[in-house]
Amino acid sequence: MTGTVVIVEDNAMNMKLLEQALSIAGYATVKSS
């Protein structure tokens, strides 16, 4: 079962880092800035 995580981040570099780390761990992401 895949979880979904909402990422709210105003720094583009942090957003990319979090998205990559979560996708490697098997989570789907929904982004908001």
PDB file of N, CA and C in Angstrom:
ATOM      1  N   MET A   1       0.847  -1.188   0.000  1.00  0.00           N
ATOM      2  CA  MET A   1       0.000   0.000   0.000  1.00  0.00           C
ATOM      3  C   MET A   1       0.889   1.246   0.000  1.00  0.00           C
ATOM      4  N   THR A   2       0.614   2.143  -0.911  1.00  0.00           N
ATOM      5  CA  THR A   2       1.385   3.379  -1.027  1.00  0.00           C
ATOM      6  C   THR A   2       0.665   4.495  -0.289  1.00  0.00           C
ATOM      7  N   GLY A   3       1.417   5.254   0.491  1.00  0.00           N
ATOM      8  CA  GLY A   3       0.854   6.408   1.179  1.00  0.00           C
ATOM      9  C   GLY A   3       1.009   7.647   0.323  1.00  0.00           C
ATOM     10  N   THR A   4       0.277   8.665   0.667  1.00  0.00           N
ATOM     11  CA  THR A   4       0.380   9.946  -0.021  1.00  0.00           C
ATOM     12  C   THR A   4       0.753  11.006   1.000  1.00  0.00           C
ATOM     13  N   VAL A   5       1.700  11.852   0.621  1.00  0.00           N
ATOM     14  CA  VAL A   5       2.189  12.905   1.501  1.00  0.00           C
ATOM     15  C   VAL A   5       2.001  14.244   0.810  1.00  0.00           C
ATOM     16  N   VAL A   6       1.491  15.238   1.530  1.00  0.00           N
ATOM     17  CA  VAL A   6       1.372  16.598   1.015  1.00  0.00           C
ATOM     18  C   VAL A   6       2.608  17.372   1.460  1.00  0.00           C
ATOM     19  N   ILE A   7       3.310  17.965   0.486  1.00  0.00           N
ATOM     20  CA  ILE A   7       4.500  18.764   0.777  1.00  0.00           C
ATOM     21  C   ILE A   7       4.153  20.229   0.563  1.00  0.00           C
ATOM     22  N   VAL A   8       4.317  21.038   1.594  1.00  0.00           N
ATOM     23  CA  VAL A   8       4.128  22.483   1.486  1.00  0.00           C
ATOM     24  C   VAL A   8       5.469  23.116   1.828  1.00  0.00           C
ATOM     25  N   GLU A   9       6.131  23.657   0.820  1.00  0.00           N
ATOM     26  CA  GLU A   9       7.489  24.177   0.996  1.00  0.00           C
ATOM     27  C   GLU A   9       7.675  25.368   0.069  1.00  0.00           C
ATOM     28  N   ASP A  10       8.271  26.448   0.570  1.00  0.00           N
ATOM     29  CA  ASP A  10       8.475  27.638  -0.257  1.00  0.00           C
ATOM     30  C   ASP A  10       9.862  27.680  -0.897  1.00  0.00           C
ATOM     31  N   ASN A  11      10.728  26.756  -0.525  1.00  0.00           N
ATOM     32  CA  ASN A  11      12.066  26.707  -1.098  1.00  0.00           C
ATOM     33  C   ASN A  11      12.098  25.589  -2.141  1.00  0.00           C
ATOM     34  N   ALA A  12      12.365  25.940  -3.405  1.00  0.00           N
ATOM     35  CA  ALA A  12      12.320  24.970  -4.501  1.00  0.00           C
ATOM     36  C   ALA A  12      13.304  23.820  -4.302  1.00  0.00           C
ATOM     37  N   MET A  13      14.480  24.112  -3.776  1.00  0.00           N
ATOM     38  CA  MET A  13      15.479  23.061  -3.570  1.00  0.00           C
ATOM     39  C   MET A  13      15.013  22.066  -2.504  1.00  0.00           C
ATOM     40  N   ASN A  14      14.448  22.573  -1.414  1.00  0.00           N
ATOM     41  CA  ASN A  14      13.915  21.683  -0.372  1.00  0.00           C
ATOM     42  C   ASN A  14      12.755  20.855  -0.901  1.00  0.00           C
ATOM     43  N   MET A  15      11.902  21.472  -1.724  1.00  0.00           N
ATOM     44  CA  MET A  15      10.769  20.765  -2.309  1.00  0.00           C
ATOM     45  C   MET A  15      11.259  19.585  -3.137  1.00  0.00           C
ATOM     46  N   LYS A  16      12.259  19.826  -3.970  1.00  0.00           N
ATOM     47  CA  LYS A  16      12.797  18.764  -4.826  1.00  0.00           C
ATOM     48  C   LYS A  16      13.417  17.652  -3.983  1.00  0.00           C
ATOM     49  N   LEU A  17      14.178  18.024  -2.959  1.00  0.00           N
ATOM     50  CA  LEU A  17      14.817  17.044  -2.082  1.00  0.00           C
ATOM     51  C   LEU A  17      13.777  16.172  -1.375  1.00  0.00           C
ATOM     52  N   LEU A  18      12.758  16.800  -0.808  1.00  0.00           N
ATOM     53  CA  LEU A  18      11.711  16.049  -0.117  1.00  0.00           C
ATOM     54  C   LEU A  18      10.960  15.132  -1.072  1.00  0.00           C
ATOM     55  N   GLU A  19      10.648  15.641  -2.257  1.00  0.00           N
ATOM     56  CA  GLU A  19       9.916  14.839  -3.237  1.00  0.00           C
ATOM     57  C   GLU A  19      10.718  13.602  -3.635  1.00  0.00           C
ATOM     58  N   GLN A  20      12.015  13.777  -3.896  1.00  0.00           N
ATOM     59  CA  GLN A  20      12.862  12.648  -4.281  1.00  0.00           C
ATOM     60  C   GLN A  20      12.988  11.637  -3.147  1.00  0.00           C
ATOM     61  N   ALA A  21      13.215  12.113  -1.939  1.00  0.00           N
ATOM     62  CA  ALA A  21      13.371  11.206  -0.793  1.00  0.00           C
ATOM     63  C   ALA A  21      12.095  10.396  -0.554  1.00  0.00           C
ATOM     64  N   LEU A  22      10.951  11.053  -0.645  1.00  0.00           N
ATOM     65  CA  LEU A  22       9.690  10.350  -0.415  1.00  0.00           C
ATOM     66  C   LEU A  22       9.374   9.369  -1.537  1.00  0.00           C
ATOM     67  N   SER A  23       9.689   9.720  -2.783  1.00  0.00           N
ATOM     68  CA  SER A  23       9.419   8.800  -3.887  1.00  0.00           C
ATOM     69  C   SER A  23      10.310   7.565  -3.796  1.00  0.00           C
ATOM     70  N   ILE A  24      11.547   7.732  -3.351  1.00  0.00           N
ATOM     71  CA  ILE A  24      12.440   6.586  -3.151  1.00  0.00           C
ATOM     72  C   ILE A  24      11.881   5.667  -2.063  1.00  0.00           C
ATOM     73  N   ALA A  25      11.285   6.259  -1.039  1.00  0.00           N
ATOM     74  CA  ALA A  25      10.710   5.485   0.062  1.00  0.00           C
ATOM     75  C   ALA A  25       9.359   4.868  -0.311  1.00  0.00           C
ATOM     76  N   GLY A  26       8.832   5.184  -1.506  1.00  0.00           N
ATOM     77  CA  GLY A  26       7.596   4.569  -1.972  1.00  0.00           C
ATOM     78  C   GLY A  26       6.337   5.374  -1.748  1.00  0.00           C
ATOM     79  N   TYR A  27       6.476   6.647  -1.448  1.00  0.00           N
ATOM     80  CA  TYR A  27       5.309   7.496  -1.218  1.00  0.00           C
ATOM     81  C   TYR A  27       4.976   8.312  -2.459  1.00  0.00           C
ATOM     82  N   ALA A  28       3.690   8.536  -2.679  1.00  0.00           N
ATOM     83  CA  ALA A  28       3.242   9.474  -3.697  1.00  0.00           C
ATOM     84  C   ALA A  28       3.238  10.857  -3.057  1.00  0.00           C
ATOM     85  N   THR A  29       3.483  11.895  -3.848  1.00  0.00           N
ATOM     86  CA  THR A  29       3.529  13.243  -3.287  1.00  0.00           C
ATOM     87  C   THR A  29       2.544  14.168  -3.983  1.00  0.00           C
ATOM     88  N   VAL A  30       2.018  15.110  -3.220  1.00  0.00           N
ATOM     89  CA  VAL A  30       1.206  16.207  -3.727  1.00  0.00           C
ATOM     90  C   VAL A  30       1.922  17.460  -3.270  1.00  0.00           C
ATOM     91  N   LYS A  31       2.276  18.331  -4.231  1.00  0.00           N
ATOM     92  CA  LYS A  31       3.095  19.497  -3.899  1.00  0.00           C
ATOM     93  C   LYS A  31       2.268  20.773  -3.878  1.00  0.00           C
ATOM     94  N   SER A  32       2.615  21.649  -2.953  1.00  0.00           N
ATOM     95  CA  SER A  32       2.019  22.973  -2.865  1.00  0.00           C
ATOM     96  C   SER A  32       3.102  23.939  -2.432  1.00  0.00           C
ATOM     97  N   SER A  33       3.143  25.092  -3.091  1.00  0.00           N
ATOM     98  CA  SER A  33       4.171  26.067  -2.708  1.00  0.00           C
ATOM     99  C   SER A  33       3.544  27.411  -2.419  1.00  0.00           C
TER     100      SER A  33
END
